[in-house]
Amino acid sequence: MPSTGLPIADAAATLGLTTDTLRYYEKDGLLLRPVPRAAGGHRRYDEIDLRWIELVTRLRATGMPIRDVRRYADLVRAGDGNESERLAILQAHREEVLRQLAEVQAHLGAIEYKIDLYLDKLVALERTA
């Protein structure tokens, strides 16, 4: 049994997640492998686990549905030979993220427009005061 690696609380703190989230990712099949455990049965997360969980967290934070993350993880676990499927999942997600980014940029443009209007109005008021 491995005794190296981080216990779940330290891994969660390192990743900025809760221990419940890490357990959920494991239970829901989102990790690359079963998390190694120390002799006492406690989870021990190594660098490979942390890098993968960081990717899963980024995919989720950018709106990838759990089913797509799980499918991607299944493909990675299956090994070589399915790279085109993995690529398709990531490319489709990239397109969705770019769409969302464009939408947020449009919203930001509207906010900036209103800020400029108020700044111009305040400058005009200062000139007349």
Protein backbone atom coordinates (compact mmCIF):
# COMPACT_ATOMS: atom_id res chain seq x y z
CA MET A 1 0.00 0.00 0.00
CA PRO A 2 1.35 3.43 -0.91
CA SER A 3 2.17 5.78 1.92
CA THR A 4 3.33 8.69 -0.26
CA GLY A 5 1.06 11.34 -1.65
CA LEU A 6 -1.31 13.76 -0.03
CA PRO A 7 -4.16 12.80 2.26
CA ILE A 8 -7.58 13.90 1.04
CA ALA A 9 -7.72 17.06 3.18
CA ASP A 10 -4.36 18.28 1.88
CA ALA A 11 -5.23 17.37 -1.71
CA ALA A 12 -8.51 19.25 -1.40
CA ALA A 13 -6.76 22.31 0.03
CA THR A 14 -4.10 22.20 -2.70
CA LEU A 15 -6.78 22.06 -5.39
CA GLY A 16 -9.13 24.57 -3.77
CA LEU A 17 -11.87 21.96 -3.49
CA THR A 18 -13.71 20.28 -0.67
CA THR A 19 -13.10 16.72 0.42
CA ASP A 20 -16.72 16.04 -0.53
CA THR A 21 -15.98 17.16 -4.10
CA LEU A 22 -12.99 14.83 -4.32
CA ARG A 23 -15.07 11.93 -3.02
CA TYR A 24 -17.83 12.81 -5.50
CA TYR A 25 -15.39 12.88 -8.43
CA GLU A 26 -14.12 9.47 -7.38
CA LYS A 27 -17.58 7.98 -6.83
CA ASP A 28 -18.93 9.37 -10.10
CA GLY A 29 -16.15 7.87 -12.23
CA LEU A 30 -14.41 11.12 -13.11
CA LEU A 31 -10.92 10.11 -11.98
CA LEU A 32 -8.36 8.27 -14.07
CA ARG A 33 -7.89 5.47 -11.60
CA PRO A 34 -8.91 4.41 -8.13
CA VAL A 35 -7.12 6.70 -5.70
CA PRO A 36 -4.28 4.80 -4.01
CA ARG A 37 -4.71 4.21 -0.31
CA ALA A 38 -2.31 4.07 2.59
CA ALA A 39 -2.07 1.01 4.84
CA GLY A 40 -4.84 2.45 7.03
CA GLY A 41 -7.15 2.79 4.03
CA HIS A 42 -6.88 6.55 3.73
CA ARG A 43 -6.74 8.04 0.24
CA ARG A 44 -3.34 9.31 -0.93
CA TYR A 45 -3.35 11.63 -3.94
CA ASP A 46 -0.15 11.86 -5.96
CA GLU A 47 0.89 14.36 -8.63
CA ILE A 48 -0.84 12.43 -11.44
CA ASP A 49 -4.11 12.46 -9.49
CA LEU A 50 -3.81 16.17 -8.71
CA ARG A 51 -3.10 17.13 -12.33
CA TRP A 52 -6.08 15.09 -13.55
CA ILE A 53 -8.41 16.53 -10.90
CA GLU A 54 -7.26 20.02 -11.86
CA LEU A 55 -8.25 19.28 -15.47
CA VAL A 56 -11.63 17.89 -14.38
CA THR A 57 -12.16 21.01 -12.26
CA ARG A 58 -11.34 23.26 -15.21
CA LEU A 59 -13.66 21.34 -17.51
CA ARG A 60 -16.47 21.61 -14.96
CA ALA A 61 -15.75 25.29 -14.27
CA THR A 62 -16.11 26.00 -17.98
CA GLY A 63 -19.47 24.25 -18.08
CA MET A 64 -18.66 20.78 -19.39
CA PRO A 65 -21.47 18.47 -18.30
CA ILE A 66 -20.56 15.65 -15.92
CA ARG A 67 -21.58 13.07 -18.55
CA ASP A 68 -19.04 14.53 -20.99
CA VAL A 69 -16.29 14.65 -18.36
CA ARG A 70 -17.09 11.03 -17.48
CA ARG A 71 -17.00 10.02 -21.16
CA TYR A 72 -13.66 11.78 -21.60
CA ALA A 73 -12.27 10.07 -18.48
CA ASP A 74 -13.55 6.69 -19.74
CA LEU A 75 -11.73 7.23 -23.03
CA VAL A 76 -8.48 8.24 -21.34
CA ARG A 77 -8.68 5.20 -19.04
CA ALA A 78 -9.24 2.97 -22.07
CA GLY A 79 -5.82 3.96 -23.40
CA ASP A 80 -4.51 4.49 -26.89
CA GLY A 81 -6.67 4.20 -29.97
CA ASN A 82 -9.48 6.62 -29.15
CA GLU A 83 -7.65 9.92 -29.46
CA SER A 84 -10.00 11.16 -32.18
CA GLU A 85 -12.96 10.74 -29.82
CA ARG A 86 -11.12 12.55 -27.03
CA LEU A 87 -10.21 15.33 -29.43
CA ALA A 88 -13.82 15.64 -30.58
CA ILE A 89 -15.04 16.02 -27.00
CA LEU A 90 -12.48 18.73 -26.26
CA GLN A 91 -13.05 20.56 -29.53
CA ALA A 92 -16.82 20.61 -29.00
CA HIS A 93 -16.29 21.93 -25.49
CA ARG A 94 -13.85 24.56 -26.73
CA GLU A 95 -16.49 25.79 -29.19
CA GLU A 96 -19.02 26.09 -26.37
CA VAL A 97 -16.53 27.94 -24.17
CA LEU A 98 -15.72 30.33 -27.03
CA ARG A 99 -19.44 30.94 -27.56
CA GLN A 100 -19.88 31.70 -23.86
CA LEU A 101 -16.81 33.93 -23.87
CA ALA A 102 -18.17 35.94 -26.80
CA GLU A 103 -21.46 36.34 -24.97
CA VAL A 104 -19.72 37.54 -21.80
CA GLN A 105 -17.59 39.94 -23.86
CA ALA A 106 -20.77 41.38 -25.38
CA HIS A 107 -22.23 41.83 -21.89
CA LEU A 108 -19.02 43.48 -20.76
CA GLY A 109 -19.17 45.82 -23.74
CA ALA A 110 -22.65 46.92 -22.69
CA ILE A 111 -21.47 47.54 -19.13
CA GLU A 112 -18.46 49.51 -20.34
CA TYR A 113 -20.74 51.59 -22.59
CA LYS A 114 -22.90 52.54 -19.60
CA ILE A 115 -19.84 53.33 -17.48
CA ASP A 116 -18.55 55.63 -20.20
CA LEU A 117 -21.92 57.40 -20.35
CA TYR A 118 -21.86 58.04 -16.60
CA LEU A 119 -18.23 59.18 -16.67
CA ASP A 120 -18.99 61.60 -19.50
CA LYS A 121 -22.00 62.93 -17.61
CA LEU A 122 -19.95 63.43 -14.42
CA VAL A 123 -17.22 65.24 -16.34
CA ALA A 124 -19.83 67.52 -17.96
CA LEU A 125 -21.36 68.25 -14.54
CA GLU A 126 -17.95 69.12 -13.11
CA ARG A 127 -17.34 71.57 -15.95
CA THR A 128 -20.62 73.38 -15.26
CA ALA A 129 -20.07 73.51 -11.51
